[in-house]
Amino acid sequence: MDIRRAVASENKDRVTLQVYIQPKASRTEFVGLHGEAVKIRVAAPPVDGSANAELIRFLAERCDIPRSRVSIRSGETSRQKRVTLAGVSAEWVLARLASPQG
């Protein structure tokens, strides 16, 4: 199975990413795969949108795009989310997530 197709789909200049988050982690980081989604631990509680805001910040920073280009399309109150990133390819997003960051 092509991992990219399982967790990400492209449409013109945007990528929709299937994400599974684990809130209240010790630090925000990409973990790997969780079924047909990428797993990201976020160092924020799932209260008042804090975990969602941290997820958006992390994805924007890791993919080197403005936060305004990252949006949660579904799953705002769930651990399973669909997130759209504009102006990047699925290959770029997955490579940036998997790369070690110092």
PDB file of N, CA and C in Angstrom:
ATOM      1  N   MET A   1       0.841  -1.189   0.000  1.00  0.00           N
ATOM      2  CA  MET A   1       0.000   0.000   0.000  1.00  0.00           C
ATOM      3  C   MET A   1       0.881   1.246   0.000  1.00  0.00           C
ATOM      4  N   ASP A   2       0.485   2.206  -0.789  1.00  0.00           N
ATOM      5  CA  ASP A   2       1.190   3.480  -0.841  1.00  0.00           C
ATOM      6  C   ASP A   2       0.795   4.308   0.375  1.00  0.00           C
ATOM      7  N   ILE A   3       1.746   4.551   1.273  1.00  0.00           N
ATOM      8  CA  ILE A   3       1.466   5.281   2.512  1.00  0.00           C
ATOM      9  C   ILE A   3       0.914   6.668   2.206  1.00  0.00           C
ATOM     10  N   ARG A   4       1.466   7.311   1.200  1.00  0.00           N
ATOM     11  CA  ARG A   4       1.019   8.661   0.870  1.00  0.00           C
ATOM     12  C   ARG A   4      -0.470   8.673   0.530  1.00  0.00           C
ATOM     13  N   ARG A   5      -0.940   7.706  -0.226  1.00  0.00           N
ATOM     14  CA  ARG A   5      -2.356   7.648  -0.588  1.00  0.00           C
ATOM     15  C   ARG A   5      -3.235   7.321   0.603  1.00  0.00           C
ATOM     16  N   ALA A   6      -2.709   6.564   1.553  1.00  0.00           N
ATOM     17  CA  ALA A   6      -3.495   6.175   2.719  1.00  0.00           C
ATOM     18  C   ALA A   6      -3.745   7.355   3.651  1.00  0.00           C
ATOM     19  N   VAL A   7      -2.784   8.239   3.795  1.00  0.00           N
ATOM     20  CA  VAL A   7      -2.903   9.314   4.795  1.00  0.00           C
ATOM     21  C   VAL A   7      -3.091  10.701   4.193  1.00  0.00           C
ATOM     22  N   ALA A   8      -2.845  10.868   2.898  1.00  0.00           N
ATOM     23  CA  ALA A   8      -2.917  12.201   2.292  1.00  0.00           C
ATOM     24  C   ALA A   8      -3.523  12.132   0.898  1.00  0.00           C
ATOM     25  N   SER A   9      -4.291  13.147   0.569  1.00  0.00           N
ATOM     26  CA  SER A   9      -4.815  13.265  -0.787  1.00  0.00           C
ATOM     27  C   SER A   9      -4.547  14.685  -1.281  1.00  0.00           C
ATOM     28  N   GLU A  10      -4.262  14.805  -2.568  1.00  0.00           N
ATOM     29  CA  GLU A  10      -3.947  16.101  -3.155  1.00  0.00           C
ATOM     30  C   GLU A  10      -5.076  16.554  -4.068  1.00  0.00           C
ATOM     31  N   ASN A  11      -5.324  17.850  -4.073  1.00  0.00           N
ATOM     32  CA  ASN A  11      -6.300  18.457  -4.962  1.00  0.00           C
ATOM     33  C   ASN A  11      -5.764  19.820  -5.350  1.00  0.00           C
ATOM     34  N   LYS A  12      -5.305  19.952  -6.571  1.00  0.00           N
ATOM     35  CA  LYS A  12      -4.690  21.179  -7.075  1.00  0.00           C
ATOM     36  C   LYS A  12      -3.516  21.598  -6.197  1.00  0.00           C
ATOM     37  N   ASP A  13      -3.648  22.703  -5.470  1.00  0.00           N
ATOM     38  CA  ASP A  13      -2.517  23.207  -4.687  1.00  0.00           C
ATOM     39  C   ASP A  13      -2.690  22.981  -3.189  1.00  0.00           C
ATOM     40  N   ARG A  14      -3.457  21.944  -2.817  1.00  0.00           N
ATOM     41  CA  ARG A  14      -3.636  21.671  -1.386  1.00  0.00           C
ATOM     42  C   ARG A  14      -3.632  20.181  -1.109  1.00  0.00           C
ATOM     43  N   VAL A  15      -3.274  19.873   0.132  1.00  0.00           N
ATOM     44  CA  VAL A  15      -3.199  18.492   0.595  1.00  0.00           C
ATOM     45  C   VAL A  15      -4.161  18.331   1.766  1.00  0.00           C
ATOM     46  N   THR A  16      -4.911  17.238   1.755  1.00  0.00           N
ATOM     47  CA  THR A  16      -5.735  16.900   2.907  1.00  0.00           C
ATOM     48  C   THR A  16      -5.075  15.724   3.597  1.00  0.00           C
ATOM     49  N   LEU A  17      -4.771  15.917   4.853  1.00  0.00           N
ATOM     50  CA  LEU A  17      -4.015  14.945   5.635  1.00  0.00           C
ATOM     51  C   LEU A  17      -4.904  14.355   6.719  1.00  0.00           C
ATOM     52  N   GLN A  18      -4.878  13.029   6.834  1.00  0.00           N
ATOM     53  CA  GLN A  18      -5.587  12.347   7.919  1.00  0.00           C
ATOM     54  C   GLN A  18      -4.641  12.355   9.121  1.00  0.00           C
ATOM     55  N   VAL A  19      -5.105  12.896  10.243  1.00  0.00           N
ATOM     56  CA  VAL A  19      -4.253  13.063  11.423  1.00  0.00           C
ATOM     57  C   VAL A  19      -4.932  12.456  12.641  1.00  0.00           C
ATOM     58  N   TYR A  20      -4.146  11.769  13.446  1.00  0.00           N
ATOM     59  CA  TYR A  20      -4.589  11.283  14.752  1.00  0.00           C
ATOM     60  C   TYR A  20      -3.715  11.982  15.773  1.00  0.00           C
ATOM     61  N   ILE A  21      -4.324  12.722  16.705  1.00  0.00           N
ATOM     62  CA  ILE A  21      -3.513  13.443  17.679  1.00  0.00           C
ATOM     63  C   ILE A  21      -3.637  12.838  19.074  1.00  0.00           C
ATOM     64  N   GLN A  22      -2.570  13.000  19.816  1.00  0.00           N
ATOM     65  CA  GLN A  22      -2.527  12.604  21.223  1.00  0.00           C
ATOM     66  C   GLN A  22      -2.240  13.862  22.022  1.00  0.00           C
ATOM     67  N   PRO A  23      -3.287  14.449  22.630  1.00  0.00           N
ATOM     68  CA  PRO A  23      -3.077  15.676  23.398  1.00  0.00           C
ATOM     69  C   PRO A  23      -2.394  15.412  24.741  1.00  0.00           C
ATOM     70  N   LYS A  24      -1.956  16.492  25.371  1.00  0.00           N
ATOM     71  CA  LYS A  24      -1.303  16.465  26.686  1.00  0.00           C
ATOM     72  C   LYS A  24      -0.021  15.646  26.706  1.00  0.00           C
ATOM     73  N   ALA A  25       0.712  15.647  25.606  1.00  0.00           N
ATOM     74  CA  ALA A  25       2.000  14.954  25.545  1.00  0.00           C
ATOM     75  C   ALA A  25       3.072  15.849  26.168  1.00  0.00           C
ATOM     76  N   SER A  26       4.226  15.270  26.444  1.00  0.00           N
ATOM     77  CA  SER A  26       5.308  16.059  27.031  1.00  0.00           C
ATOM     78  C   SER A  26       5.892  17.056  26.028  1.00  0.00           C
ATOM     79  N   ARG A  27       5.798  16.741  24.729  1.00  0.00           N
ATOM     80  CA  ARG A  27       6.241  17.675  23.687  1.00  0.00           C
ATOM     81  C   ARG A  27       5.471  17.391  22.406  1.00  0.00           C
ATOM     82  N   THR A  28       5.428  18.364  21.532  1.00  0.00           N
ATOM     83  CA  THR A  28       4.749  18.214  20.253  1.00  0.00           C
ATOM     84  C   THR A  28       5.719  17.588  19.267  1.00  0.00           C
ATOM     85  N   GLU A  29       5.265  16.477  18.647  1.00  0.00           N
ATOM     86  CA  GLU A  29       6.141  15.767  17.712  1.00  0.00           C
ATOM     87  C   GLU A  29       5.347  14.835  16.817  1.00  0.00           C
ATOM     88  N   PHE A  30       5.924  14.569  15.655  1.00  0.00           N
ATOM     89  CA  PHE A  30       5.399  13.564  14.739  1.00  0.00           C
ATOM     90  C   PHE A  30       5.851  12.206  15.247  1.00  0.00           C
ATOM     91  N   VAL A  31       4.933  11.251  15.333  1.00  0.00           N
ATOM     92  CA  VAL A  31       5.261   9.941  15.874  1.00  0.00           C
ATOM     93  C   VAL A  31       5.424   8.896  14.778  1.00  0.00           C
ATOM     94  N   GLY A  32       4.556   8.916  13.785  1.00  0.00           N
ATOM     95  CA  GLY A  32       4.565   7.914  12.722  1.00  0.00           C
ATOM     96  C   GLY A  32       3.153   7.712  12.229  1.00  0.00           C
ATOM     97  N   LEU A  33       2.828   6.475  11.917  1.00  0.00           N
ATOM     98  CA  LEU A  33       1.492   6.171  11.428  1.00  0.00           C
ATOM     99  C   LEU A  33       0.632   5.581  12.525  1.00  0.00           C
ATOM    100  N   HIS A  34      -0.652   5.836  12.428  1.00  0.00           N
ATOM    101  CA  HIS A  34      -1.653   5.269  13.331  1.00  0.00           C
ATOM    102  C   HIS A  34      -2.804   4.852  12.417  1.00  0.00           C
ATOM    103  N   GLY A  35      -2.804   3.600  12.005  1.00  0.00           N
ATOM    104  CA  GLY A  35      -3.785   3.151  11.017  1.00  0.00           C
ATOM    105  C   GLY A  35      -3.549   3.866   9.705  1.00  0.00           C
ATOM    106  N   GLU A  36      -4.584   4.534   9.195  1.00  0.00           N
ATOM    107  CA  GLU A  36      -4.461   5.289   7.953  1.00  0.00           C
ATOM    108  C   GLU A  36      -4.400   6.788   8.222  1.00  0.00           C
ATOM    109  N   ALA A  37      -3.620   7.138   9.237  1.00  0.00           N
ATOM    110  CA  ALA A  37      -3.423   8.546   9.597  1.00  0.00           C
ATOM    111  C   ALA A  37      -2.012   8.731  10.124  1.00  0.00           C
ATOM    112  N   VAL A  38      -1.529   9.962  10.078  1.00  0.00           N
ATOM    113  CA  VAL A  38      -0.258  10.265  10.732  1.00  0.00           C
ATOM    114  C   VAL A  38      -0.581  10.581  12.191  1.00  0.00           C
ATOM    115  N   LYS A  39       0.277  10.136  13.092  1.00  0.00           N
ATOM    116  CA  LYS A  39       0.068  10.385  14.512  1.00  0.00           C
ATOM    117  C   LYS A  39       0.989  11.504  14.952  1.00  0.00           C
ATOM    118  N   ILE A  40       0.391  12.489  15.621  1.00  0.00           N
ATOM    119  CA  ILE A  40       1.140  13.626  16.129  1.00  0.00           C
ATOM    120  C   ILE A  40       0.765  13.818  17.596  1.00  0.00           C
ATOM    121  N   ARG A  41       1.788  13.852  18.437  1.00  0.00           N
ATOM    122  CA  ARG A  41       1.576  14.177  19.843  1.00  0.00           C
ATOM    123  C   ARG A  41       1.624  15.687  19.980  1.00  0.00           C
ATOM    124  N   VAL A  42       0.688  16.251  20.739  1.00  0.00           N
ATOM    125  CA  VAL A  42       0.694  17.701  20.944  1.00  0.00           C
ATOM    126  C   VAL A  42       0.790  18.011  22.429  1.00  0.00           C
ATOM    127  N   ALA A  43       1.623  18.976  22.743  1.00  0.00           N
ATOM    128  CA  ALA A  43       1.867  19.374  24.136  1.00  0.00           C
ATOM    129  C   ALA A  43       0.867  20.441  24.548  1.00  0.00           C
ATOM    130  N   ALA A  44      -0.398  20.117  24.398  1.00  0.00           N
ATOM    131  CA  ALA A  44      -1.473  21.027  24.797  1.00  0.00           C
ATOM    132  C   ALA A  44      -2.676  20.173  25.175  1.00  0.00           C
ATOM    133  N   PRO A  45      -3.459  20.634  26.125  1.00  0.00           N
ATOM    134  CA  PRO A  45      -4.647  19.880  26.515  1.00  0.00           C
ATOM    135  C   PRO A  45      -5.776  20.084  25.498  1.00  0.00           C
ATOM    136  N   PRO A  46      -6.709  19.141  25.436  1.00  0.00           N
ATOM    137  CA  PRO A  46      -7.833  19.282  24.505  1.00  0.00           C
ATOM    138  C   PRO A  46      -8.930  20.189  25.086  1.00  0.00           C
ATOM    139  N   VAL A  47      -8.545  21.385  25.472  1.00  0.00           N
ATOM    140  CA  VAL A  47      -9.466  22.322  26.116  1.00  0.00           C
ATOM    141  C   VAL A  47      -9.452  23.643  25.354  1.00  0.00           C
ATOM    142  N   ASP A  48     -10.629  24.166  25.065  1.00  0.00           N
ATOM    143  CA  ASP A  48     -10.771  25.475  24.414  1.00  0.00           C
ATOM    144  C   ASP A  48      -9.957  25.608  23.123  1.00  0.00           C
ATOM    145  N   GLY A  49      -9.805  24.532  22.377  1.00  0.00           N
ATOM    146  CA  GLY A  49      -9.100  24.586  21.102  1.00  0.00           C
ATOM    147  C   GLY A  49      -7.586  24.628  21.207  1.00  0.00           C
ATOM    148  N   SER A  50      -7.038  24.443  22.400  1.00  0.00           N
ATOM    149  CA  SER A  50      -5.583  24.520  22.578  1.00  0.00           C
ATOM    150  C   SER A  50      -4.844  23.457  21.782  1.00  0.00           C
ATOM    151  N   ALA A  51      -5.344  22.225  21.792  1.00  0.00           N
ATOM    152  CA  ALA A  51      -4.674  21.144  21.058  1.00  0.00           C
ATOM    153  C   ALA A  51      -4.750  21.396  19.552  1.00  0.00           C
ATOM    154  N   ASN A  52      -5.875  21.895  19.071  1.00  0.00           N
ATOM    155  CA  ASN A  52      -6.010  22.206  17.644  1.00  0.00           C
ATOM    156  C   ASN A  52      -5.057  23.324  17.237  1.00  0.00           C
ATOM    157  N   ALA A  53      -4.959  24.346  18.060  1.00  0.00           N
ATOM    158  CA  ALA A  53      -4.049  25.460  17.760  1.00  0.00           C
ATOM    159  C   ALA A  53      -2.598  24.986  17.732  1.00  0.00           C
ATOM    160  N   GLU A  54      -2.244  24.111  18.648  1.00  0.00           N
ATOM    161  CA  GLU A  54      -0.874  23.582  18.673  1.00  0.00           C
ATOM    162  C   GLU A  54      -0.614  22.704  17.459  1.00  0.00           C
ATOM    163  N   LEU A  55      -1.597  21.925  17.045  1.00  0.00           N
ATOM    164  CA  LEU A  55      -1.454  21.100  15.839  1.00  0.00           C
ATOM    165  C   LEU A  55      -1.219  21.981  14.617  1.00  0.00           C
ATOM    166  N   ILE A  56      -1.999  23.037  14.478  1.00  0.00           N
ATOM    167  CA  ILE A  56      -1.837  23.957  13.345  1.00  0.00           C
ATOM    168  C   ILE A  56      -0.462  24.620  13.388  1.00  0.00           C
ATOM    169  N   ARG A  57      -0.045  25.077  14.557  1.00  0.00           N
ATOM    170  CA  ARG A  57       1.272  25.700  14.695  1.00  0.00           C
ATOM    171  C   ARG A  57       2.370  24.725  14.283  1.00  0.00           C
ATOM    172  N   PHE A  58       2.296  23.498  14.771  1.00  0.00           N
ATOM    173  CA  PHE A  58       3.312  22.493  14.483  1.00  0.00           C
ATOM    174  C   PHE A  58       3.379  22.170  12.997  1.00  0.00           C
ATOM    175  N   LEU A  59       2.237  21.927  12.369  1.00  0.00           N
ATOM    176  CA  LEU A  59       2.228  21.594  10.945  1.00  0.00           C
ATOM    177  C   LEU A  59       2.749  22.751  10.099  1.00  0.00           C
ATOM    178  N   ALA A  60       2.334  23.967  10.425  1.00  0.00           N
ATOM    179  CA  ALA A  60       2.806  25.130   9.666  1.00  0.00           C
ATOM    180  C   ALA A  60       4.313  25.303   9.802  1.00  0.00           C
ATOM    181  N   GLU A  61       4.803  25.190  11.026  1.00  0.00           N
ATOM    182  CA  GLU A  61       6.245  25.345  11.259  1.00  0.00           C
ATOM    183  C   GLU A  61       7.028  24.237  10.565  1.00  0.00           C
ATOM    184  N   ARG A  62       6.597  22.999  10.720  1.00  0.00           N
ATOM    185  CA  ARG A  62       7.320  21.865  10.146  1.00  0.00           C
ATOM    186  C   ARG A  62       7.319  21.911   8.620  1.00  0.00           C
ATOM    187  N   CYS A  63       6.209  22.362   8.034  1.00  0.00           N
ATOM    188  CA  CYS A  63       6.097  22.407   6.569  1.00  0.00           C
ATOM    189  C   CYS A  63       6.532  23.739   5.983  1.00  0.00           C
ATOM    190  N   ASP A  64       6.969  24.656   6.854  1.00  0.00           N
ATOM    191  CA  ASP A  64       7.486  25.955   6.429  1.00  0.00           C
ATOM    192  C   ASP A  64       6.459  26.743   5.604  1.00  0.00           C
ATOM    193  N   ILE A  65       5.228  26.809   6.137  1.00  0.00           N
ATOM    194  CA  ILE A  65       4.168  27.587   5.508  1.00  0.00           C
ATOM    195  C   ILE A  65       3.490  28.434   6.597  1.00  0.00           C
ATOM    196  N   PRO A  66       2.803  29.505   6.213  1.00  0.00           N
ATOM    197  CA  PRO A  66       2.088  30.321   7.206  1.00  0.00           C
ATOM    198  C   PRO A  66       0.940  29.523   7.845  1.00  0.00           C
ATOM    199  N   ARG A  67       0.642  29.839   9.081  1.00  0.00           N
ATOM    200  CA  ARG A  67      -0.462  29.169   9.781  1.00  0.00           C
ATOM    201  C   ARG A  67      -1.784  29.343   9.048  1.00  0.00           C
ATOM    202  N   SER A  68      -1.930  30.447   8.343  1.00  0.00           N
ATOM    203  CA  SER A  68      -3.175  30.714   7.620  1.00  0.00           C
ATOM    204  C   SER A  68      -3.431  29.690   6.510  1.00  0.00           C
ATOM    205  N   ARG A  69      -2.405  28.944   6.122  1.00  0.00           N
ATOM    206  CA  ARG A  69      -2.560  27.925   5.086  1.00  0.00           C
ATOM    207  C   ARG A  69      -2.880  26.543   5.652  1.00  0.00           C
ATOM    208  N   VAL A  70      -3.033  26.446   6.958  1.00  0.00           N
ATOM    209  CA  VAL A  70      -3.361  25.173   7.605  1.00  0.00           C
ATOM    210  C   VAL A  70      -4.730  25.314   8.257  1.00  0.00           C
ATOM    211  N   SER A  71      -5.632  24.386   7.958  1.00  0.00           N
ATOM    212  CA  SER A  71      -6.962  24.454   8.576  1.00  0.00           C
ATOM    213  C   SER A  71      -7.476  23.052   8.877  1.00  0.00           C
ATOM    214  N   ILE A  72      -8.233  22.949   9.936  1.00  0.00           N
ATOM    215  CA  ILE A  72      -8.854  21.686  10.316  1.00  0.00           C
ATOM    216  C   ILE A  72     -10.211  21.628   9.631  1.00  0.00           C
ATOM    217  N   ARG A  73     -10.378  20.655   8.746  1.00  0.00           N
ATOM    218  CA  ARG A  73     -11.608  20.526   7.968  1.00  0.00           C
ATOM    219  C   ARG A  73     -12.682  19.726   8.690  1.00  0.00           C
ATOM    220  N   SER A  74     -12.270  18.742   9.478  1.00  0.00           N
ATOM    221  CA  SER A  74     -13.234  17.968  10.259  1.00  0.00           C
ATOM    222  C   SER A  74     -12.525  17.358  11.455  1.00  0.00           C
ATOM    223  N   GLY A  75     -13.300  17.080  12.490  1.00  0.00           N
ATOM    224  CA  GLY A  75     -12.747  16.447  13.677  1.00  0.00           C
ATOM    225  C   GLY A  75     -12.232  17.411  14.725  1.00  0.00           C
ATOM    226  N   GLU A  76     -12.756  18.624  14.772  1.00  0.00           N
ATOM    227  CA  GLU A  76     -12.247  19.608  15.727  1.00  0.00           C
ATOM    228  C   GLU A  76     -12.328  19.146  17.174  1.00  0.00           C
ATOM    229  N   THR A  77     -13.313  18.328  17.504  1.00  0.00           N
ATOM    230  CA  THR A  77     -13.454  17.846  18.879  1.00  0.00           C
ATOM    231  C   THR A  77     -13.069  16.380  19.020  1.00  0.00           C
ATOM    232  N   SER A  78     -12.407  15.838  18.013  1.00  0.00           N
ATOM    233  CA  SER A  78     -12.025  14.439  17.996  1.00  0.00           C
ATOM    234  C   SER A  78     -10.511  14.300  17.902  1.00  0.00           C
ATOM    235  N   ARG A  79     -10.005  13.129  18.237  1.00  0.00           N
ATOM    236  CA  ARG A  79      -8.579  12.865  18.036  1.00  0.00           C
ATOM    237  C   ARG A  79      -8.278  12.642  16.565  1.00  0.00           C
ATOM    238  N   GLN A  80      -9.263  12.184  15.818  1.00  0.00           N
ATOM    239  CA  GLN A  80      -9.098  11.959  14.385  1.00  0.00           C
ATOM    240  C   GLN A  80      -9.552  13.187  13.630  1.00  0.00           C
ATOM    241  N   LYS A  81      -8.662  13.728  12.808  1.00  0.00           N
ATOM    242  CA  LYS A  81      -8.932  14.984  12.117  1.00  0.00           C
ATOM    243  C   LYS A  81      -8.555  14.891  10.651  1.00  0.00           C
ATOM    244  N   ARG A  82      -9.186  15.744   9.863  1.00  0.00           N
ATOM    245  CA  ARG A  82      -8.763  15.968   8.480  1.00  0.00           C
ATOM    246  C   ARG A  82      -8.263  17.397   8.428  1.00  0.00           C
ATOM    247  N   VAL A  83      -6.998  17.532   8.040  1.00  0.00           N
ATOM    248  CA  VAL A  83      -6.348  18.846   8.032  1.00  0.00           C
ATOM    249  C   VAL A  83      -5.933  19.166   6.601  1.00  0.00           C
ATOM    250  N   THR A  84      -6.207  20.396   6.176  1.00  0.00           N
ATOM    251  CA  THR A  84      -5.826  20.843   4.840  1.00  0.00           C
ATOM    252  C   THR A  84      -4.647  21.796   4.939  1.00  0.00           C
ATOM    253  N   LEU A  85      -3.651  21.560   4.082  1.00  0.00           N
ATOM    254  CA  LEU A  85      -2.473  22.420   3.985  1.00  0.00           C
ATOM    255  C   LEU A  85      -2.417  22.943   2.555  1.00  0.00           C
ATOM    256  N   ALA A  86      -2.431  24.247   2.382  1.00  0.00           N
ATOM    257  CA  ALA A  86      -2.436  24.855   1.049  1.00  0.00           C
ATOM    258  C   ALA A  86      -1.024  25.214   0.603  1.00  0.00           C
ATOM    259  N   GLY A  87      -0.794  25.068  -0.698  1.00  0.00           N
ATOM    260  CA  GLY A  87       0.474  25.488  -1.285  1.00  0.00           C
ATOM    261  C   GLY A  87       1.608  24.489  -1.175  1.00  0.00           C
ATOM    262  N   VAL A  88       1.293  23.236  -0.825  1.00  0.00           N
ATOM    263  CA  VAL A  88       2.317  22.197  -0.703  1.00  0.00           C
ATOM    264  C   VAL A  88       1.788  20.896  -1.302  1.00  0.00           C
ATOM    265  N   SER A  89       2.703  19.966  -1.536  1.00  0.00           N
ATOM    266  CA  SER A  89       2.315  18.656  -2.055  1.00  0.00           C
ATOM    267  C   SER A  89       2.312  17.633  -0.925  1.00  0.00           C
ATOM    268  N   ALA A  90       1.633  16.528  -1.154  1.00  0.00           N
ATOM    269  CA  ALA A  90       1.610  15.442  -0.160  1.00  0.00           C
ATOM    270  C   ALA A  90       3.022  14.929   0.090  1.00  0.00           C
ATOM    271  N   GLU A  91       3.797  14.803  -0.956  1.00  0.00           N
ATOM    272  CA  GLU A  91       5.176  14.330  -0.829  1.00  0.00           C
ATOM    273  C   GLU A  91       5.988  15.265   0.065  1.00  0.00           C
ATOM    274  N   TRP A  92       5.832  16.574  -0.123  1.00  0.00           N
ATOM    275  CA  TRP A  92       6.548  17.572   0.681  1.00  0.00           C
ATOM    276  C   TRP A  92       6.155  17.461   2.145  1.00  0.00           C
ATOM    277  N   VAL A  93       4.846  17.406   2.417  1.00  0.00           N
ATOM    278  CA  VAL A  93       4.351  17.348   3.798  1.00  0.00           C
ATOM    279  C   VAL A  93       4.878  16.108   4.501  1.00  0.00           C
ATOM    280  N   LEU A  94       4.743  14.954   3.875  1.00  0.00           N
ATOM    281  CA  LEU A  94       5.178  13.714   4.518  1.00  0.00           C
ATOM    282  C   LEU A  94       6.690  13.672   4.712  1.00  0.00           C
ATOM    283  N   ALA A  95       7.436  14.216   3.763  1.00  0.00           N
ATOM    284  CA  ALA A  95       8.896  14.261   3.917  1.00  0.00           C
ATOM    285  C   ALA A  95       9.285  15.187   5.063  1.00  0.00           C
ATOM    286  N   ARG A  96       8.620  16.335   5.168  1.00  0.00           N
ATOM    287  CA  ARG A  96       8.938  17.281   6.249  1.00  0.00           C
ATOM    288  C   ARG A  96       8.553  16.723   7.619  1.00  0.00           C
ATOM    289  N   LEU A  97       7.445  16.009   7.687  1.00  0.00           N
ATOM    290  CA  LEU A  97       7.043  15.406   8.962  1.00  0.00           C
ATOM    291  C   LEU A  97       8.037  14.331   9.403  1.00  0.00           C
ATOM    292  N   ALA A  98       8.479  13.526   8.452  1.00  0.00           N
ATOM    293  CA  ALA A  98       9.368  12.404   8.783  1.00  0.00           C
ATOM    294  C   ALA A  98      10.805  12.833   9.019  1.00  0.00           C
ATOM    295  N   SER A  99      11.185  14.032   8.581  1.00  0.00           N
ATOM    296  CA  SER A  99      12.574  14.449   8.751  1.00  0.00           C
ATOM    297  C   SER A  99      12.860  14.828  10.208  1.00  0.00           C
ATOM    298  N   PRO A 100      14.036  14.477  10.693  1.00  0.00           N
ATOM    299  CA  PRO A 100      14.382  14.877  12.075  1.00  0.00           C
ATOM    300  C   PRO A 100      14.567  16.385  12.151  1.00  0.00           C
ATOM    301  N   GLN A 101      14.009  16.967  13.169  1.00  0.00           N
ATOM    302  CA  GLN A 101      14.127  18.423  13.371  1.00  0.00           C
ATOM    303  C   GLN A 101      14.964  18.673  14.610  1.00  0.00           C
ATOM    304  N   GLY A 102      15.849  19.595  14.540  1.00  0.00           N
ATOM    305  CA  GLY A 102      16.715  19.878  15.663  1.00  0.00           C
ATOM    306  C   GLY A 102      16.368  21.134  16.282  1.00  0.00           C
TER     307      GLY A 102
END
